[in-house]
Amino acid sequence: MFFYFDFITWFKLVRLVSQEKKAKRRRSAYRYLLLTIPLRAMGHALCFFLDGILFPGLWFTKVRNPVFIIGHARSGTTLAHRLMCEDQRFSAFKYYELLLPSLIEKKLVRLAAWVDRTILGRSIERRLQAWEDKKFGPMRHIHKMGLTIPEEDDLVLFSSCASGFWATRVPNMDDVDFFHIDQRPPASRRRLMGFYRECVRRQMYLNGGNVIHLSKNPVFCGRVEAVIEAFPDARFVVLYRNPYETIPSLLKLLHTGWKIQGEIDKQKAARSSRVSVEISYESYLHPDEVLARHPEVPRAIIDYRQLVAEPKATMERVYTELGIPMTEQFRRVLEEEQNKSGRHETAHRYSLEEFGLDDTEIRQRLAPLFERFNWDADMPEIKKPKEAAKA
């Protein structure tokens, strides 16, 4: 399998950079897109090709019955993923492993980590921790990130210019689409998902082979059909949370990411925000529509409120519906989590008005889900921007 690179999206990104009015930002973006990304992709491509030669056992590694956790961003997918990662039968990507899609690269990092622990007294580890604090610090109050923390699979496509994480770097969501993979031509969809499957296979080989891949990806709400095509025996866990909480929370995350890149064009940010809201509606509705066409696909639906209040009972039901027997070791983990239930909090505050959102529009667009999950009964207080800042 050869390394995948989305040249169409790459050319779009280069074109968008040419429209940047500030010369300093334009030069920096050009260096990144015309030099850093191509060099990085070529290095990954070489290592990706050599994987099958240096590790022949890779060809015998099979991806069987993977589990995909999906749902609108900020809907509890991270919490569900963290809980299921405690089950040792699952294999998941860590952040640094997503940045290094080839098996050779991952093996070299693990070797360097061993040398650092046994010979260098963890000096490299301490420097990396300092870098982590600087890199991820501004975002950790919204989403906890770190090099060794499990993260969204979609990041493995970043150097291929095919990852939704690009949306946090460029506020051009009206020009570049990372969400609607199910609507792409079949050949294009197969190339992308075929490469992703190869990345998953390498991760499973690294983690022992005889494991179950566990994926957490909000952006995969737009590629459920593509996932089923690439993984016919896939199983899904779908999270639902009140959109009055999730949609402004996602917008806050995106705007924070854009601000980190520097001052942004307000009109461009506003257009991208509107596109994000439309995608949010699809994130809630599209998975249900696709899974309804595939009744044979195992799935479990999680109400975020139940996951937070009763994690043990919720996960026991999920395992039953997915046909996964629960081990006693994992059951004890859930019991410990149950003792902490209700403490899952975030310092992140949301406000519909801050982003010009209309609660009436949200209620109308997602009316079937409001009735299904009775979100009206516990509708959160919608704070004004100044009130949210004081909270």
Protein backbone atom coordinates (compact mmCIF):
# COMPACT_ATOMS: atom_id res chain seq x y z
CA MET A 1 0.00 0.00 0.00
CA PHE A 2 1.36 3.40 -1.00
CA PHE A 3 1.08 6.57 1.03
CA TYR A 4 -2.02 8.62 0.27
CA PHE A 5 -1.81 12.33 -0.48
CA ASP A 6 -4.81 14.51 -1.27
CA PHE A 7 -3.37 16.72 -4.02
CA ILE A 8 -6.74 18.36 -4.74
CA THR A 9 -7.08 19.65 -1.18
CA TRP A 10 -3.40 20.59 -1.06
CA PHE A 11 -3.78 22.76 -4.18
CA LYS A 12 -6.87 24.38 -2.64
CA LEU A 13 -4.94 25.21 0.51
CA VAL A 14 -2.09 26.72 -1.53
CA ARG A 15 -4.61 28.80 -3.49
CA LEU A 16 -6.21 30.03 -0.28
CA VAL A 17 -2.80 31.08 1.07
CA SER A 18 -2.32 33.27 -2.01
CA GLN A 19 -5.35 35.27 -0.85
CA GLU A 20 -3.81 36.05 2.54
CA LYS A 21 -3.38 39.83 2.75
CA LYS A 22 -0.65 39.90 5.41
CA ALA A 23 2.72 39.20 3.81
CA LYS A 24 4.30 37.66 6.91
CA ARG A 25 1.49 35.15 7.42
CA ARG A 26 1.40 34.42 3.70
CA ARG A 27 5.13 33.62 3.58
CA SER A 28 4.87 31.45 6.68
CA ALA A 29 1.92 29.51 5.25
CA TYR A 30 3.68 29.06 1.93
CA ARG A 31 6.75 27.62 3.68
CA TYR A 32 4.55 25.20 5.57
CA LEU A 33 2.50 24.05 2.57
CA LEU A 34 5.19 24.13 -0.12
CA LEU A 35 8.11 22.84 1.93
CA THR A 36 7.23 21.29 5.30
CA ILE A 37 4.17 19.30 4.26
CA PRO A 38 5.68 17.84 1.01
CA LEU A 39 8.93 16.87 2.74
CA ARG A 40 7.05 15.33 5.63
CA ALA A 41 4.75 13.43 3.27
CA MET A 42 7.68 12.11 1.23
CA GLY A 43 9.38 10.84 4.37
CA HIS A 44 6.18 9.13 5.50
CA ALA A 45 5.71 7.66 2.02
CA LEU A 46 9.16 6.08 1.99
CA CYS A 47 8.74 4.58 5.44
CA PHE A 48 5.19 3.45 4.62
CA PHE A 49 6.50 1.56 1.58
CA LEU A 50 9.33 -0.06 3.56
CA ASP A 51 6.97 -1.28 6.31
CA GLY A 52 5.83 -4.29 4.32
CA ILE A 53 9.43 -5.25 3.51
CA LEU A 54 10.95 -4.87 6.97
CA PHE A 55 7.93 -6.28 8.83
CA PRO A 56 6.53 -9.17 6.76
CA GLY A 57 4.21 -10.13 9.62
CA LEU A 58 2.27 -6.98 8.80
CA TRP A 59 0.70 -8.74 5.81
CA PHE A 60 -0.93 -11.29 8.11
CA THR A 61 -2.44 -8.70 10.45
CA LYS A 62 -6.20 -8.47 9.97
CA VAL A 63 -8.56 -5.71 11.09
CA ARG A 64 -11.55 -7.52 12.60
CA ASN A 65 -14.69 -6.05 14.20
CA PRO A 66 -13.31 -2.54 14.84
CA VAL A 67 -15.33 -0.18 17.02
CA PHE A 68 -15.96 3.40 15.92
CA ILE A 69 -17.08 5.99 18.47
CA ILE A 70 -18.77 8.88 16.67
CA GLY A 71 -20.98 11.82 17.51
CA HIS A 72 -20.94 15.58 17.29
CA ALA A 73 -17.76 17.09 18.72
CA ARG A 74 -18.04 17.77 22.46
CA SER A 75 -20.79 15.16 22.84
CA GLY A 76 -18.86 12.82 25.15
CA THR A 77 -16.93 10.84 22.53
CA THR A 78 -13.68 11.52 24.38
CA LEU A 79 -15.11 10.25 27.68
CA ALA A 80 -16.48 7.09 26.06
CA HIS A 81 -13.17 6.54 24.25
CA ARG A 82 -11.15 7.02 27.43
CA LEU A 83 -13.29 4.49 29.29
CA MET A 84 -13.09 1.84 26.57
CA CYS A 85 -9.32 2.37 26.20
CA GLU A 86 -9.04 0.99 29.74
CA ASP A 87 -10.11 -2.36 28.29
CA GLN A 88 -6.78 -3.93 27.35
CA ARG A 89 -8.33 -5.81 24.44
CA PHE A 90 -8.57 -2.56 22.46
CA SER A 91 -5.90 -0.86 20.38
CA ALA A 92 -6.01 2.92 19.87
CA PHE A 93 -3.76 5.56 18.38
CA LYS A 94 -1.88 7.88 20.70
CA TYR A 95 -1.34 11.44 19.53
CA TYR A 96 2.31 10.99 18.50
CA GLU A 97 1.48 7.74 16.70
CA LEU A 98 -1.04 9.57 14.54
CA LEU A 99 1.66 11.99 13.42
CA LEU A 100 3.83 9.03 12.36
CA PRO A 101 1.64 6.78 10.18
CA SER A 102 4.31 4.24 9.26
CA LEU A 103 5.34 1.30 11.43
CA ILE A 104 9.04 2.10 11.08
CA GLU A 105 8.56 5.58 12.50
CA LYS A 106 6.58 4.31 15.48
CA LYS A 107 9.19 1.63 16.22
CA LEU A 108 11.99 4.22 16.11
CA VAL A 109 10.15 6.47 18.57
CA ARG A 110 9.64 3.56 20.97
CA LEU A 111 13.34 2.71 20.68
CA ALA A 112 14.29 6.33 21.41
CA ALA A 113 11.96 6.33 24.43
CA TRP A 114 13.64 3.17 25.75
CA VAL A 115 17.10 4.73 25.36
CA ASP A 116 15.87 7.88 27.12
CA ARG A 117 14.50 5.88 30.07
CA THR A 118 17.45 3.53 30.51
CA ILE A 119 20.43 5.70 29.57
CA LEU A 120 19.54 9.39 29.46
CA GLY A 121 17.56 9.60 32.70
CA ARG A 122 14.38 10.73 30.90
CA SER A 123 15.97 14.03 29.81
CA ILE A 124 14.18 13.90 26.44
CA GLU A 125 10.90 13.12 28.18
CA ARG A 126 11.19 16.23 30.37
CA ARG A 127 11.86 18.45 27.37
CA LEU A 128 8.89 16.96 25.53
CA GLN A 129 6.66 17.61 28.53
CA ALA A 130 7.72 21.26 28.49
CA TRP A 131 6.97 21.40 24.76
CA GLU A 132 3.56 19.79 25.37
CA ASP A 133 2.65 22.47 27.91
CA LYS A 134 3.52 25.19 25.43
CA LYS A 135 1.88 23.49 22.45
CA PHE A 136 -1.34 22.22 24.02
CA GLY A 137 -1.68 24.56 27.00
CA PRO A 138 -3.99 27.09 25.31
CA MET A 139 -6.40 24.30 24.30
CA ARG A 140 -6.37 22.03 27.36
CA HIS A 141 -9.23 23.82 29.11
CA ILE A 142 -11.35 22.81 26.10
CA HIS A 143 -9.86 19.46 25.12
CA LYS A 144 -7.08 17.66 26.97
CA MET A 145 -4.27 16.78 24.59
CA GLY A 146 -0.81 15.27 24.93
CA LEU A 147 1.68 13.24 22.90
CA THR A 148 0.87 9.98 24.69
CA ILE A 149 -2.89 10.53 25.10
CA PRO A 150 -5.21 8.61 22.73
CA GLU A 151 -6.58 10.96 20.10
CA GLU A 152 -8.84 11.01 17.04
CA ASP A 153 -7.82 8.70 14.19
CA ASP A 154 -8.52 11.44 11.67
CA LEU A 155 -5.22 13.09 12.66
CA VAL A 156 -3.33 10.27 10.90
CA LEU A 157 -4.45 11.92 7.65
CA PHE A 158 -2.99 15.34 8.49
CA SER A 159 0.22 15.00 6.47
CA SER A 160 -1.94 13.73 3.61
CA CYS A 161 -3.91 17.04 3.68
CA ALA A 162 -7.06 14.98 4.25
CA SER A 163 -7.69 15.52 7.96
CA GLY A 164 -10.42 17.59 9.52
CA PHE A 165 -7.77 18.95 11.91
CA TRP A 166 -6.83 21.35 9.11
CA ALA A 167 -10.05 23.20 9.94
CA THR A 168 -8.44 24.37 13.20
CA ARG A 169 -5.56 25.91 11.22
CA VAL A 170 -7.39 27.58 8.34
CA PRO A 171 -10.78 29.29 8.71
CA ASN A 172 -11.82 28.36 5.16
CA MET A 173 -14.43 25.70 5.78
CA ASP A 174 -16.58 27.13 2.98
CA ASP A 175 -13.77 26.31 0.50
CA VAL A 176 -12.26 23.09 1.85
CA ASP A 177 -14.48 20.17 2.86
CA PHE A 178 -13.14 17.44 5.14
CA PHE A 179 -16.52 16.21 6.31
CA HIS A 180 -18.63 14.94 3.39
CA ILE A 181 -16.53 11.90 2.50
CA ASP A 182 -19.68 9.82 1.91
CA GLN A 183 -20.56 12.18 -0.94
CA ARG A 184 -17.25 11.79 -2.76
CA PRO A 185 -16.93 9.65 -5.91
CA PRO A 186 -16.51 5.95 -4.99
CA ALA A 187 -12.92 5.72 -6.29
CA SER A 188 -11.82 8.77 -4.29
CA ARG A 189 -13.55 7.45 -1.19
CA ARG A 190 -11.92 4.02 -1.54
CA ARG A 191 -8.41 5.47 -1.91
CA LEU A 192 -8.77 7.56 1.24
CA MET A 193 -10.35 4.84 3.36
CA GLY A 194 -8.00 2.18 1.98
CA PHE A 195 -5.04 4.20 3.20
CA TYR A 196 -6.71 4.75 6.57
CA ARG A 197 -7.28 1.01 6.88
CA GLU A 198 -3.57 0.41 6.25
CA CYS A 199 -2.71 2.89 9.01
CA VAL A 200 -5.02 1.01 11.38
CA ARG A 201 -3.39 -2.30 10.41
CA ARG A 202 0.06 -0.95 11.28
CA GLN A 203 -1.15 0.28 14.65
CA MET A 204 -2.66 -3.11 15.45
CA TYR A 205 0.58 -4.86 14.49
CA LEU A 206 2.48 -2.48 16.78
CA ASN A 207 0.12 -3.24 19.68
CA GLY A 208 0.22 -6.99 19.34
CA GLY A 209 -1.97 -7.90 16.37
CA ASN A 210 -4.61 -9.83 18.29
CA VAL A 211 -6.46 -6.69 19.43
CA ILE A 212 -9.59 -4.76 18.46
CA HIS A 213 -9.14 -1.35 16.93
CA LEU A 214 -10.95 1.42 18.81
CA SER A 215 -11.54 4.70 17.01
CA LYS A 216 -12.96 8.02 18.21
CA ASN A 217 -13.79 10.54 15.49
CA PRO A 218 -16.51 13.20 15.47
CA VAL A 219 -15.62 14.03 11.87
CA PHE A 220 -16.43 10.42 10.92
CA CYS A 221 -20.10 11.37 11.29
CA GLY A 222 -19.76 12.41 7.65
CA ARG A 223 -18.17 9.16 6.51
CA VAL A 224 -20.23 6.41 8.14
CA GLU A 225 -21.02 4.86 4.76
CA ALA A 226 -17.34 4.97 3.80
CA VAL A 227 -16.36 3.32 7.09
CA ILE A 228 -18.86 0.50 6.51
CA GLU A 229 -17.46 -0.01 3.00
CA ALA A 230 -13.87 -0.17 4.28
CA PHE A 231 -14.74 -2.20 7.39
CA PRO A 232 -17.81 -4.38 6.65
CA ASP A 233 -17.70 -5.84 10.18
CA ALA A 234 -17.47 -2.44 11.89
CA ARG A 235 -19.40 -1.65 15.07
CA PHE A 236 -20.52 1.83 16.08
CA VAL A 237 -21.02 3.71 19.32
CA VAL A 238 -22.98 6.92 18.67
CA LEU A 239 -23.03 9.72 21.27
CA TYR A 240 -25.80 12.30 21.61
CA ARG A 241 -25.68 15.44 23.73
CA ASN A 242 -27.85 18.56 23.83
CA PRO A 243 -26.81 20.67 20.79
CA TYR A 244 -27.25 23.88 22.80
CA GLU A 245 -24.08 22.71 24.56
CA THR A 246 -22.11 21.02 21.79
CA ILE A 247 -22.45 23.47 18.88
CA PRO A 248 -21.17 26.63 20.62
CA SER A 249 -18.55 24.48 22.35
CA LEU A 250 -17.23 23.34 18.96
CA LEU A 251 -17.23 26.91 17.66
CA LYS A 252 -15.24 28.02 20.70
CA LEU A 253 -12.70 25.28 19.96
CA LEU A 254 -12.39 26.32 16.31
CA HIS A 255 -12.07 30.03 17.10
CA THR A 256 -9.42 29.29 19.73
CA GLY A 257 -7.46 27.28 17.16
CA TRP A 258 -7.69 30.09 14.60
CA LYS A 259 -6.58 32.72 17.10
CA ILE A 260 -3.51 30.64 17.95
CA GLN A 261 -2.51 30.89 14.28
CA GLY A 262 -2.76 34.69 14.48
CA GLU A 263 -5.27 37.41 13.77
CA ILE A 264 -8.01 36.18 11.45
CA ASP A 265 -10.34 37.83 8.98
CA LYS A 266 -13.67 38.29 10.79
CA GLN A 267 -15.76 37.77 7.66
CA LYS A 268 -13.87 34.59 6.81
CA ALA A 269 -14.29 33.30 10.35
CA ALA A 270 -18.01 34.12 10.26
CA ARG A 271 -18.49 32.18 7.01
CA SER A 272 -16.57 29.20 8.38
CA SER A 273 -18.62 29.33 11.58
CA ARG A 274 -21.83 29.16 9.56
CA VAL A 275 -20.52 26.18 7.60
CA SER A 276 -19.57 24.53 10.88
CA VAL A 277 -23.12 24.98 12.19
CA GLU A 278 -24.56 23.35 9.07
CA ILE A 279 -22.10 20.47 9.44
CA SER A 280 -23.16 20.21 13.07
CA TYR A 281 -26.74 19.50 12.01
CA GLU A 282 -25.47 16.81 9.64
CA SER A 283 -23.28 15.35 12.40
CA TYR A 284 -26.43 14.74 14.40
CA LEU A 285 -28.58 13.44 11.53
CA HIS A 286 -26.33 11.68 9.01
CA PRO A 287 -25.11 8.73 11.15
CA ASP A 288 -28.68 7.78 12.04
CA GLU A 289 -29.73 7.95 8.38
CA VAL A 290 -26.87 5.73 7.21
CA LEU A 291 -27.18 3.19 10.02
CA ALA A 292 -30.92 2.95 9.33
CA ARG A 293 -29.99 1.71 5.85
CA HIS A 294 -27.68 -0.90 7.42
CA PRO A 295 -29.68 -2.68 10.13
CA GLU A 296 -27.12 -5.49 10.07
CA VAL A 297 -24.41 -3.20 11.49
CA PRO A 298 -24.11 -3.45 15.31
CA ARG A 299 -24.52 -0.12 17.05
CA ALA A 300 -25.07 1.31 20.53
CA ILE A 301 -26.59 4.71 21.25
CA ILE A 302 -25.35 6.68 24.26
CA ASP A 303 -27.09 9.62 25.88
CA TYR A 304 -24.33 11.79 27.30
CA ARG A 305 -26.29 12.41 30.49
CA GLN A 306 -26.46 8.68 31.20
CA LEU A 307 -22.77 8.20 30.44
CA VAL A 308 -21.80 10.85 32.99
CA ALA A 309 -24.31 9.76 35.64
CA GLU A 310 -24.01 5.97 35.24
CA PRO A 311 -20.83 5.07 33.33
CA LYS A 312 -20.80 1.45 34.50
CA ALA A 313 -24.40 0.66 33.55
CA THR A 314 -24.04 2.57 30.29
CA MET A 315 -20.91 0.69 29.24
CA GLU A 316 -22.40 -2.64 30.22
CA ARG A 317 -25.32 -1.94 27.89
CA VAL A 318 -22.95 -0.82 25.11
CA TYR A 319 -20.92 -4.00 25.35
CA THR A 320 -24.08 -6.11 25.27
CA GLU A 321 -25.44 -4.35 22.20
CA LEU A 322 -22.09 -4.63 20.39
CA GLY A 323 -21.71 -8.29 21.30
CA ILE A 324 -18.51 -7.81 23.31
CA PRO A 325 -18.16 -9.87 26.50
CA MET A 326 -16.97 -7.74 29.41
CA THR A 327 -13.96 -8.88 31.42
CA GLU A 328 -13.93 -8.71 35.21
CA GLN A 329 -10.86 -6.48 35.07
CA PHE A 330 -12.67 -3.89 32.95
CA ARG A 331 -15.76 -4.20 35.14
CA ARG A 332 -13.66 -3.17 38.15
CA VAL A 333 -12.39 -0.16 36.18
CA LEU A 334 -15.98 0.86 35.52
CA GLU A 335 -16.86 0.46 39.19
CA GLU A 336 -14.09 2.91 40.08
CA GLU A 337 -15.38 5.30 37.43
CA GLN A 338 -18.88 4.91 38.81
CA ASN A 339 -17.65 6.07 42.21
CA LYS A 340 -16.46 9.27 40.52
CA SER A 341 -19.63 9.76 38.46
CA GLY A 342 -20.94 13.29 38.32
CA ARG A 343 -17.44 14.73 38.65
CA HIS A 344 -16.81 14.89 34.92
CA GLU A 345 -16.65 18.63 34.41
CA THR A 346 -15.12 21.02 31.93
CA ALA A 347 -13.79 24.53 32.44
CA HIS A 348 -15.08 25.34 28.99
CA ARG A 349 -18.12 27.66 28.95
CA TYR A 350 -20.54 27.97 26.05
CA SER A 351 -22.75 30.76 24.79
CA LEU A 352 -25.15 30.67 21.85
CA GLU A 353 -25.24 34.45 21.55
CA GLU A 354 -21.46 34.69 21.43
CA PHE A 355 -21.58 33.12 17.98
CA GLY A 356 -24.88 34.56 16.83
CA LEU A 357 -26.68 31.23 17.18
CA ASP A 358 -30.45 31.01 17.33
CA ASP A 359 -31.79 28.40 19.75
CA THR A 360 -35.06 28.33 17.77
CA GLU A 361 -33.24 27.34 14.58
CA ILE A 362 -31.35 24.58 16.36
CA ARG A 363 -34.58 23.29 17.90
CA GLN A 364 -36.32 23.20 14.52
CA ARG A 365 -33.47 21.62 12.57
CA LEU A 366 -33.01 18.85 15.13
CA ALA A 367 -36.63 18.52 16.29
CA PRO A 368 -36.79 14.68 16.03
CA LEU A 369 -33.75 14.35 18.28
CA PHE A 370 -35.07 16.86 20.80
CA GLU A 371 -38.17 14.73 21.13
CA ARG A 372 -36.23 11.46 21.15
CA PHE A 373 -33.86 12.53 23.94
CA ASN A 374 -36.18 14.99 25.68
CA TRP A 375 -33.56 17.75 25.62
CA ASP A 376 -36.20 20.39 26.24
CA ALA A 377 -36.61 19.09 29.79
CA ASP A 378 -33.06 19.96 30.80
CA MET A 379 -32.30 22.80 28.42
CA PRO A 380 -29.21 24.55 29.79
CA GLU A 381 -29.24 28.20 30.61
CA ILE A 382 -28.15 30.06 27.49
CA LYS A 383 -25.62 32.58 28.68
CA LYS A 384 -24.89 35.89 27.10
CA PRO A 385 -21.23 36.51 26.16
CA LYS A 386 -20.46 38.72 29.18
CA GLU A 387 -22.16 36.29 31.55
CA ALA A 388 -20.25 33.36 30.07
CA ALA A 389 -16.96 35.19 30.53
CA LYS A 390 -17.71 35.74 34.21
CA ALA A 391 -18.67 32.07 34.85
